[in-house]
N, C-alpha and C. Protein backbone atom coordinates (compact mmCIF):
# COMPACT_ATOMS: atom_id res chain seq x y z
N UNK A 1 63.05 13.66 56.39
CA UNK A 1 63.89 14.83 56.51
C UNK A 1 65.05 14.58 57.46
N UNK A 2 64.76 13.84 58.55
CA UNK A 2 65.80 13.52 59.52
C UNK A 2 66.89 12.65 58.87
N UNK A 3 66.48 11.73 58.03
CA UNK A 3 67.44 10.85 57.35
C UNK A 3 68.33 11.65 56.40
N UNK A 4 67.75 12.61 55.71
CA UNK A 4 68.53 13.45 54.80
C UNK A 4 69.56 14.27 55.58
N UNK A 5 69.14 14.83 56.71
CA UNK A 5 70.07 15.59 57.54
C UNK A 5 71.21 14.71 58.05
N UNK A 6 70.88 13.49 58.44
CA UNK A 6 71.90 12.58 58.93
C UNK A 6 72.90 12.26 57.83
N UNK A 7 72.40 11.96 56.64
CA UNK A 7 73.28 11.65 55.50
C UNK A 7 74.16 12.85 55.17
N UNK A 8 73.58 14.03 55.09
CA UNK A 8 74.36 15.23 54.80
C UNK A 8 75.40 15.49 55.89
N UNK A 9 75.02 15.27 57.14
CA UNK A 9 75.96 15.44 58.25
C UNK A 9 77.15 14.51 58.13
N UNK A 10 76.88 13.25 57.79
CA UNK A 10 77.97 12.29 57.62
C UNK A 10 78.86 12.66 56.44
N UNK A 11 78.25 13.14 55.37
CA UNK A 11 79.01 13.59 54.21
C UNK A 11 79.93 14.76 54.58
N UNK A 12 79.40 15.70 55.36
CA UNK A 12 80.20 16.84 55.81
C UNK A 12 81.40 16.35 56.62
N UNK A 13 81.18 15.40 57.51
CA UNK A 13 82.28 14.89 58.34
C UNK A 13 83.33 14.17 57.50
N UNK A 14 82.89 13.40 56.51
CA UNK A 14 83.84 12.69 55.64
C UNK A 14 84.66 13.69 54.83
N UNK A 15 83.99 14.66 54.24
CA UNK A 15 84.71 15.67 53.46
C UNK A 15 85.68 16.47 54.33
N UNK A 16 85.26 16.76 55.56
CA UNK A 16 86.14 17.48 56.48
C UNK A 16 87.37 16.64 56.79
N UNK A 17 87.19 15.34 57.02
CA UNK A 17 88.32 14.47 57.33
C UNK A 17 89.28 14.35 56.15
N UNK A 18 88.72 14.27 54.96
CA UNK A 18 89.55 14.11 53.76
C UNK A 18 90.35 15.39 53.46
N UNK A 19 89.74 16.53 53.68
CA UNK A 19 90.37 17.81 53.31
C UNK A 19 90.84 18.60 54.53
N UNK A 20 91.06 17.92 55.62
CA UNK A 20 91.44 18.59 56.86
C UNK A 20 92.72 19.42 56.69
N UNK A 21 92.72 20.67 57.17
CA UNK A 21 93.91 21.51 57.02
C UNK A 21 95.03 21.05 57.95
N UNK A 22 96.25 21.40 57.59
CA UNK A 22 97.40 21.10 58.44
C UNK A 22 97.46 22.15 59.54
N UNK A 23 97.90 21.71 60.71
CA UNK A 23 98.03 22.63 61.83
C UNK A 23 99.29 23.46 61.71
N UNK A 24 99.20 24.69 62.20
CA UNK A 24 100.38 25.56 62.25
C UNK A 24 101.40 24.94 63.20
N UNK A 25 102.66 25.12 62.87
CA UNK A 25 103.73 24.62 63.72
C UNK A 25 104.47 25.84 64.25
N UNK A 26 104.56 25.91 65.59
CA UNK A 26 105.23 27.04 66.23
C UNK A 26 106.28 26.52 67.20
N UNK A 27 107.13 27.43 67.64
CA UNK A 27 108.06 27.09 68.70
C UNK A 27 107.23 26.73 69.93
N UNK A 28 107.74 25.83 70.76
CA UNK A 28 106.99 25.37 71.93
C UNK A 28 106.63 26.51 72.87
N UNK A 29 107.53 27.45 73.05
CA UNK A 29 107.25 28.57 73.97
C UNK A 29 106.11 29.44 73.44
N UNK A 30 106.06 29.65 72.16
CA UNK A 30 104.99 30.45 71.55
C UNK A 30 103.66 29.70 71.64
N UNK A 31 103.69 28.39 71.37
CA UNK A 31 102.48 27.59 71.45
C UNK A 31 101.96 27.55 72.88
N UNK A 32 102.86 27.50 73.86
CA UNK A 32 102.43 27.48 75.27
C UNK A 32 101.70 28.77 75.64
N UNK A 33 102.18 29.90 75.16
CA UNK A 33 101.51 31.18 75.43
C UNK A 33 100.10 31.16 74.84
N UNK A 34 99.98 30.64 73.62
CA UNK A 34 98.67 30.55 72.97
C UNK A 34 97.77 29.56 73.71
N UNK A 35 98.31 28.42 74.11
CA UNK A 35 97.53 27.43 74.86
C UNK A 35 97.03 28.00 76.18
N UNK A 36 97.87 28.77 76.85
CA UNK A 36 97.45 29.41 78.11
C UNK A 36 96.31 30.39 77.87
N UNK A 37 96.38 31.12 76.77
CA UNK A 37 95.34 32.10 76.44
C UNK A 37 94.03 31.43 76.06
N UNK A 38 94.10 30.28 75.40
CA UNK A 38 92.88 29.59 74.97
C UNK A 38 92.31 28.67 76.05
N UNK A 39 93.02 28.50 77.14
CA UNK A 39 92.55 27.60 78.21
C UNK A 39 91.22 28.05 78.80
N UNK A 40 90.93 29.34 78.75
CA UNK A 40 89.68 29.85 79.31
C UNK A 40 88.59 30.00 78.24
N UNK A 41 88.80 29.43 77.08
CA UNK A 41 87.82 29.51 75.99
C UNK A 41 87.17 28.15 75.77
N UNK A 42 85.95 28.19 75.31
CA UNK A 42 85.27 26.96 74.91
C UNK A 42 84.32 27.27 73.76
N UNK A 43 84.17 26.30 72.88
CA UNK A 43 83.27 26.47 71.75
C UNK A 43 82.13 25.47 71.86
N UNK A 44 80.92 26.00 71.87
CA UNK A 44 79.71 25.19 71.89
C UNK A 44 79.37 24.90 70.44
N UNK A 45 79.13 23.62 70.13
CA UNK A 45 78.98 23.24 68.74
C UNK A 45 78.17 21.98 68.59
N UNK A 46 77.76 21.73 67.34
CA UNK A 46 77.17 20.46 66.94
C UNK A 46 78.19 19.80 66.02
N UNK A 47 78.37 18.53 66.15
CA UNK A 47 79.41 17.84 65.38
C UNK A 47 79.25 18.01 63.86
N UNK A 48 78.01 17.93 63.35
CA UNK A 48 77.82 17.95 61.90
C UNK A 48 77.35 19.30 61.36
N UNK A 49 77.29 20.31 62.18
CA UNK A 49 76.89 21.65 61.72
C UNK A 49 77.99 22.21 60.81
N UNK A 50 77.65 22.58 59.57
CA UNK A 50 78.68 23.07 58.65
C UNK A 50 79.40 24.33 59.15
N UNK A 51 78.70 25.18 59.88
CA UNK A 51 79.34 26.39 60.39
C UNK A 51 80.29 26.06 61.54
N UNK A 52 79.93 25.04 62.32
CA UNK A 52 80.82 24.57 63.38
C UNK A 52 82.06 23.91 62.78
N UNK A 53 81.86 23.14 61.71
CA UNK A 53 82.99 22.52 61.01
C UNK A 53 83.93 23.61 60.50
N UNK A 54 83.37 24.67 59.97
CA UNK A 54 84.17 25.79 59.46
C UNK A 54 85.06 26.37 60.57
N UNK A 55 84.50 26.57 61.75
CA UNK A 55 85.27 27.11 62.87
C UNK A 55 86.30 26.09 63.35
N UNK A 56 85.90 24.83 63.46
CA UNK A 56 86.86 23.80 63.90
C UNK A 56 88.04 23.69 62.95
N UNK A 57 87.79 23.85 61.66
CA UNK A 57 88.89 23.81 60.68
C UNK A 57 89.88 24.96 60.93
N UNK A 58 89.37 26.13 61.28
CA UNK A 58 90.25 27.26 61.59
C UNK A 58 91.00 27.01 62.90
N UNK A 59 90.33 26.40 63.87
CA UNK A 59 91.02 26.06 65.12
C UNK A 59 92.19 25.13 64.85
N UNK A 60 91.96 24.16 63.98
CA UNK A 60 93.04 23.23 63.63
C UNK A 60 94.13 23.94 62.82
N UNK A 61 93.72 24.72 61.83
CA UNK A 61 94.68 25.42 60.97
C UNK A 61 95.64 26.27 61.80
N UNK A 62 95.13 26.94 62.82
CA UNK A 62 95.96 27.83 63.63
C UNK A 62 96.41 27.20 64.94
N UNK A 63 96.20 25.89 65.08
CA UNK A 63 96.64 25.13 66.27
C UNK A 63 96.16 25.80 67.55
N UNK A 64 94.86 26.10 67.61
CA UNK A 64 94.27 26.69 68.80
C UNK A 64 93.56 25.58 69.58
N UNK A 65 94.00 25.35 70.78
CA UNK A 65 93.45 24.27 71.61
C UNK A 65 92.33 24.83 72.47
N UNK A 66 91.15 24.88 71.88
CA UNK A 66 89.95 25.39 72.56
C UNK A 66 89.02 24.21 72.82
N UNK A 67 88.52 24.13 74.04
CA UNK A 67 87.63 23.04 74.42
C UNK A 67 86.36 23.07 73.57
N UNK A 68 85.99 21.93 73.03
CA UNK A 68 84.77 21.79 72.25
C UNK A 68 83.69 21.19 73.14
N UNK A 69 82.52 21.81 73.15
CA UNK A 69 81.40 21.34 73.97
C UNK A 69 80.22 21.00 73.06
N UNK A 70 79.70 19.79 73.24
CA UNK A 70 78.62 19.28 72.40
C UNK A 70 77.27 19.78 72.92
N UNK A 71 76.74 20.81 72.28
CA UNK A 71 75.48 21.42 72.71
C UNK A 71 74.26 20.71 72.13
N UNK A 72 74.48 19.64 71.40
CA UNK A 72 73.35 18.90 70.84
C UNK A 72 73.05 17.65 71.65
N UNK A 73 74.07 16.90 72.00
CA UNK A 73 73.87 15.61 72.66
C UNK A 73 74.07 15.63 74.17
N UNK A 74 74.54 16.74 74.71
CA UNK A 74 74.76 16.85 76.16
C UNK A 74 73.78 17.88 76.72
N UNK A 75 72.78 17.39 77.43
CA UNK A 75 71.73 18.28 77.95
C UNK A 75 72.28 19.33 78.90
N UNK A 76 73.28 18.99 79.69
CA UNK A 76 73.88 19.95 80.61
C UNK A 76 74.58 21.08 79.88
N UNK A 77 75.31 20.74 78.84
CA UNK A 77 76.00 21.75 78.03
C UNK A 77 74.98 22.63 77.31
N UNK A 78 73.94 22.01 76.77
CA UNK A 78 72.88 22.77 76.08
C UNK A 78 72.23 23.76 77.05
N UNK A 79 71.92 23.29 78.25
CA UNK A 79 71.30 24.16 79.26
C UNK A 79 72.23 25.30 79.65
N UNK A 80 73.51 25.00 79.77
CA UNK A 80 74.51 26.03 80.10
C UNK A 80 74.57 27.10 79.01
N UNK A 81 74.57 26.66 77.76
CA UNK A 81 74.61 27.60 76.64
C UNK A 81 73.39 28.52 76.66
N UNK A 82 72.22 27.97 76.89
CA UNK A 82 70.99 28.77 76.92
C UNK A 82 70.98 29.69 78.14
N UNK A 83 71.34 29.15 79.28
CA UNK A 83 71.30 29.91 80.54
C UNK A 83 72.31 31.06 80.54
N UNK A 84 73.54 30.77 80.14
CA UNK A 84 74.60 31.76 80.23
C UNK A 84 74.79 32.57 78.94
N UNK A 85 74.64 31.89 77.80
CA UNK A 85 74.83 32.57 76.53
C UNK A 85 73.58 33.25 76.00
N UNK A 86 72.43 32.82 76.49
CA UNK A 86 71.19 33.48 76.12
C UNK A 86 70.39 32.82 75.03
N UNK A 87 70.98 31.88 74.30
CA UNK A 87 70.22 31.20 73.24
C UNK A 87 70.89 29.89 72.85
N UNK A 88 70.13 29.02 72.25
CA UNK A 88 70.62 27.73 71.79
C UNK A 88 70.99 27.86 70.32
N UNK A 89 72.16 28.42 70.08
CA UNK A 89 72.63 28.65 68.72
C UNK A 89 74.12 28.33 68.68
N UNK A 90 74.52 27.63 67.64
CA UNK A 90 75.93 27.29 67.47
C UNK A 90 76.38 27.69 66.08
N UNK A 91 77.66 27.88 65.87
CA UNK A 91 78.72 27.83 66.87
C UNK A 91 78.67 29.03 67.81
N UNK A 92 79.18 28.82 69.00
CA UNK A 92 79.26 29.89 69.99
C UNK A 92 80.58 29.76 70.72
N UNK A 93 81.35 30.82 70.72
CA UNK A 93 82.63 30.84 71.43
C UNK A 93 82.46 31.60 72.73
N UNK A 94 82.79 30.94 73.83
CA UNK A 94 82.76 31.56 75.15
C UNK A 94 84.18 31.92 75.52
N UNK A 95 84.41 33.21 75.77
CA UNK A 95 85.73 33.66 76.18
C UNK A 95 85.63 34.36 77.53
N UNK A 96 86.61 34.11 78.35
CA UNK A 96 86.67 34.77 79.65
C UNK A 96 87.77 35.83 79.56
N UNK A 97 87.40 37.07 79.80
CA UNK A 97 88.33 38.19 79.71
C UNK A 97 89.18 38.26 80.98
N UNK A 98 90.32 38.94 80.90
CA UNK A 98 91.20 39.06 82.08
C UNK A 98 90.50 39.65 83.30
N UNK A 99 89.50 40.50 83.09
CA UNK A 99 88.79 41.12 84.21
C UNK A 99 87.72 40.19 84.80
N UNK A 100 87.60 38.98 84.26
CA UNK A 100 86.64 38.01 84.76
C UNK A 100 85.30 38.02 84.05
N UNK A 101 85.06 39.01 83.20
CA UNK A 101 83.81 39.05 82.45
C UNK A 101 83.83 37.98 81.34
N UNK A 102 82.66 37.57 80.95
CA UNK A 102 82.53 36.52 79.94
C UNK A 102 81.88 37.11 78.70
N UNK A 103 82.42 36.73 77.54
CA UNK A 103 81.88 37.18 76.26
C UNK A 103 81.41 35.97 75.48
N UNK A 104 80.23 36.07 74.89
CA UNK A 104 79.67 35.00 74.07
C UNK A 104 79.61 35.47 72.63
N UNK A 105 80.34 34.82 71.76
CA UNK A 105 80.36 35.19 70.34
C UNK A 105 79.63 34.13 69.52
N UNK A 106 78.67 34.58 68.74
CA UNK A 106 77.94 33.70 67.83
C UNK A 106 78.37 34.07 66.40
N UNK A 107 78.04 33.25 65.47
CA UNK A 107 78.34 33.43 64.04
C UNK A 107 79.78 33.01 63.74
N UNK A 108 79.92 32.08 62.83
CA UNK A 108 81.23 31.52 62.51
C UNK A 108 82.22 32.58 62.03
N UNK A 109 81.78 33.49 61.17
CA UNK A 109 82.70 34.52 60.67
C UNK A 109 83.17 35.45 61.78
N UNK A 110 82.28 35.79 62.70
CA UNK A 110 82.67 36.65 63.83
C UNK A 110 83.65 35.94 64.76
N UNK A 111 83.43 34.65 64.98
CA UNK A 111 84.33 33.87 65.83
C UNK A 111 85.72 33.82 65.21
N UNK A 112 85.78 33.50 63.93
CA UNK A 112 87.06 33.40 63.23
C UNK A 112 87.77 34.75 63.22
N UNK A 113 87.05 35.82 62.95
CA UNK A 113 87.65 37.16 62.95
C UNK A 113 88.20 37.50 64.34
N UNK A 114 87.45 37.16 65.38
CA UNK A 114 87.91 37.42 66.76
C UNK A 114 89.20 36.66 67.05
N UNK A 115 89.24 35.40 66.68
CA UNK A 115 90.44 34.59 66.93
C UNK A 115 91.64 35.11 66.15
N UNK A 116 91.42 35.50 64.91
CA UNK A 116 92.52 36.04 64.11
C UNK A 116 93.05 37.33 64.73
N UNK A 117 92.17 38.16 65.22
CA UNK A 117 92.58 39.43 65.83
C UNK A 117 93.28 39.17 67.17
N UNK A 118 92.69 38.31 67.98
CA UNK A 118 93.22 38.01 69.31
C UNK A 118 94.60 37.39 69.25
N UNK A 119 94.82 36.51 68.29
CA UNK A 119 96.09 35.79 68.20
C UNK A 119 96.96 36.24 67.03
N UNK A 120 96.59 37.36 66.45
CA UNK A 120 97.38 37.96 65.36
C UNK A 120 97.66 36.95 64.25
N UNK A 121 96.61 36.28 63.83
CA UNK A 121 96.74 35.27 62.80
C UNK A 121 96.52 35.89 61.43
N UNK A 122 97.25 35.42 60.48
CA UNK A 122 97.14 35.94 59.10
C UNK A 122 95.90 35.41 58.43
């Protein structure tokens, strides 16, 4: 079973690389505002998780520079996700609000909807 998962994971990565979306191109000043807003965000993910790939593709499509954290191979990151986010589930987007509170979003569709709303993406 582990071998099948590994093969499927590699297939997902190859297909993602072949069909990778083009990044949005914006004026530098607009991109800087977006980069500043995403600086306090991070996404906990597994490299070969199809739902994580789905979110990463949207990050690339909309040129959102959000830190990616490997919650599978980094024990410290995994512990942080469980301790602060409440569960070991990916994808998970951690956002820090202007008031200092932290929001943990799970589910790929919810993450993508949040990003589209936050950054007024079509």
